[in-house]
Amino acid sequence: MRLTLTTDKLQVVLAGAITTNQLNTVTTYRAIYGGTEQRLRNVANTNSTTDVDLCPAPAAGRVHEVDTISVYNADTVAATVTVKFDANATEYIICKQTLQTGQTLEWNR
């Protein structure tokens, strides 16, 4: 998955409030610019029904190439997770899945 514009972001949001613990997310990606490639990661917790960036928007002249996404349900109950592409505030759902306690949603390039 490639983020090419300064307004492109990859985000996660939950369908409802958590019971005990927010879900843990880890995203690995490459920042590509001027013939250089830098490997980066973004570690974040969900924020219930508020969007959280899995991969931030690239700076001007850069591209973010997403390699892996992991969302782990650390809560004590099932959680419905939506992963979406945000293109300048227009959102496109990539997947929506219910994770049971202890389950992980993974995506690999």
Protein backbone atom coordinates (compact mmCIF):
# COMPACT_ATOMS: atom_id res chain seq x y z
CA MET A 1 0.00 0.00 0.00
CA ARG A 2 1.44 3.32 -1.04
CA LEU A 3 0.77 6.77 0.42
CA THR A 4 1.86 9.34 -2.14
CA LEU A 5 0.23 12.63 -1.15
CA THR A 6 0.67 14.79 1.94
CA THR A 7 -3.04 14.23 2.60
CA ASP A 8 -2.92 10.39 2.46
CA LYS A 9 -3.10 8.49 5.77
CA LEU A 10 -3.82 4.96 6.88
CA GLN A 11 -6.07 4.88 9.96
CA VAL A 12 -7.79 2.54 12.41
CA VAL A 13 -10.97 3.08 14.44
CA LEU A 14 -13.15 0.91 16.66
CA ALA A 15 -16.91 0.54 16.30
CA GLY A 16 -17.43 1.36 19.99
CA ALA A 17 -15.78 2.19 23.28
CA ILE A 18 -13.39 -0.33 24.82
CA THR A 19 -14.13 -2.11 28.08
CA THR A 20 -10.69 -2.26 29.69
CA ASN A 21 -7.78 -1.87 27.23
CA GLN A 22 -7.25 -0.11 23.92
CA LEU A 23 -6.04 -2.31 21.04
CA ASN A 24 -2.32 -2.29 20.20
CA THR A 25 -1.16 -1.44 16.67
CA VAL A 26 2.20 -1.72 14.93
CA THR A 27 2.81 -0.61 11.35
CA THR A 28 6.09 -0.89 9.48
CA TYR A 29 6.71 1.20 6.38
CA ARG A 30 9.39 2.73 4.21
CA ALA A 31 9.83 6.45 3.59
CA ILE A 32 11.14 6.85 0.05
CA TYR A 33 12.61 10.12 -1.19
CA GLY A 34 15.42 11.28 -3.46
CA GLY A 35 16.68 7.76 -4.12
CA THR A 36 16.84 7.06 -0.37
CA GLU A 37 14.76 4.56 1.53
CA GLN A 38 14.35 4.71 5.30
CA ARG A 39 12.63 1.89 7.25
CA LEU A 40 10.27 3.20 9.91
CA ARG A 41 7.57 1.99 12.27
CA ASN A 42 4.54 3.47 13.97
CA VAL A 43 3.33 2.06 17.28
CA ALA A 44 0.00 3.29 18.64
CA ASN A 45 -3.02 2.31 20.66
CA THR A 46 -6.55 2.72 19.39
CA ASN A 47 -8.69 5.50 20.87
CA SER A 48 -12.13 3.86 20.81
CA THR A 49 -14.27 5.68 18.21
CA THR A 50 -11.62 8.32 17.37
CA ASP A 51 -9.44 7.74 14.28
CA VAL A 52 -5.80 6.86 14.99
CA ASP A 53 -3.05 7.00 12.34
CA LEU A 54 -1.49 3.64 11.52
CA CYS A 55 0.79 5.29 8.99
CA PRO A 56 1.12 9.07 8.89
CA ALA A 57 0.93 11.15 5.73
CA PRO A 58 4.26 11.56 3.94
CA ALA A 59 6.00 14.91 3.72
CA ALA A 60 6.06 16.67 0.34
CA GLY A 61 8.22 14.83 -2.17
CA ARG A 62 8.15 11.58 -0.17
CA VAL A 63 6.23 8.32 -0.42
CA HIS A 64 5.30 5.96 2.41
CA GLU A 65 5.25 2.31 1.33
CA VAL A 66 3.43 0.25 3.98
CA ASP A 67 4.91 -3.21 4.59
CA THR A 68 2.98 -4.60 7.58
CA ILE A 69 0.01 -3.74 9.79
CA SER A 70 -0.83 -5.50 13.04
CA VAL A 71 -3.80 -4.79 15.32
CA TYR A 72 -3.97 -6.87 18.54
CA ASN A 73 -7.12 -7.00 20.69
CA ALA A 74 -5.81 -6.47 24.23
CA ASP A 75 -9.31 -5.73 25.53
CA THR A 76 -11.39 -8.16 27.59
CA VAL A 77 -14.21 -8.32 25.00
CA ALA A 78 -14.52 -8.56 21.21
CA ALA A 79 -13.81 -5.39 19.22
CA THR A 80 -14.85 -4.43 15.69
CA VAL A 81 -11.88 -2.83 13.94
CA THR A 82 -12.01 -0.73 10.78
CA VAL A 83 -8.84 -0.04 8.81
CA LYS A 84 -9.25 2.76 6.30
CA PHE A 85 -7.41 4.89 3.79
CA ASP A 86 -7.94 8.61 4.42
CA ALA A 87 -7.42 10.66 1.24
CA ASN A 88 -7.72 14.30 2.26
CA ALA A 89 -10.58 13.51 4.70
CA THR A 90 -12.39 11.21 2.24
CA GLU A 91 -12.33 7.78 3.84
CA TYR A 92 -12.17 4.43 2.05
CA ILE A 93 -12.68 1.30 4.12
CA ILE A 94 -10.03 -1.34 3.49
CA CYS A 95 -11.39 -3.88 5.95
CA LYS A 96 -13.75 -4.21 8.88
CA GLN A 97 -13.31 -7.20 11.17
CA THR A 98 -14.38 -8.31 14.63
CA LEU A 99 -11.46 -9.48 16.75
CA GLN A 100 -12.03 -11.67 19.77
CA THR A 101 -9.89 -11.08 22.88
CA GLY A 102 -6.30 -12.08 22.07
CA GLN A 103 -6.81 -12.14 18.29
CA THR A 104 -4.68 -10.18 15.83
CA LEU A 105 -5.54 -8.63 12.47
CA GLU A 106 -2.45 -8.75 10.25
CA TRP A 107 -1.66 -7.46 6.79
CA ASN A 108 1.62 -8.02 4.96
CA ARG A 109 2.74 -6.58 1.67
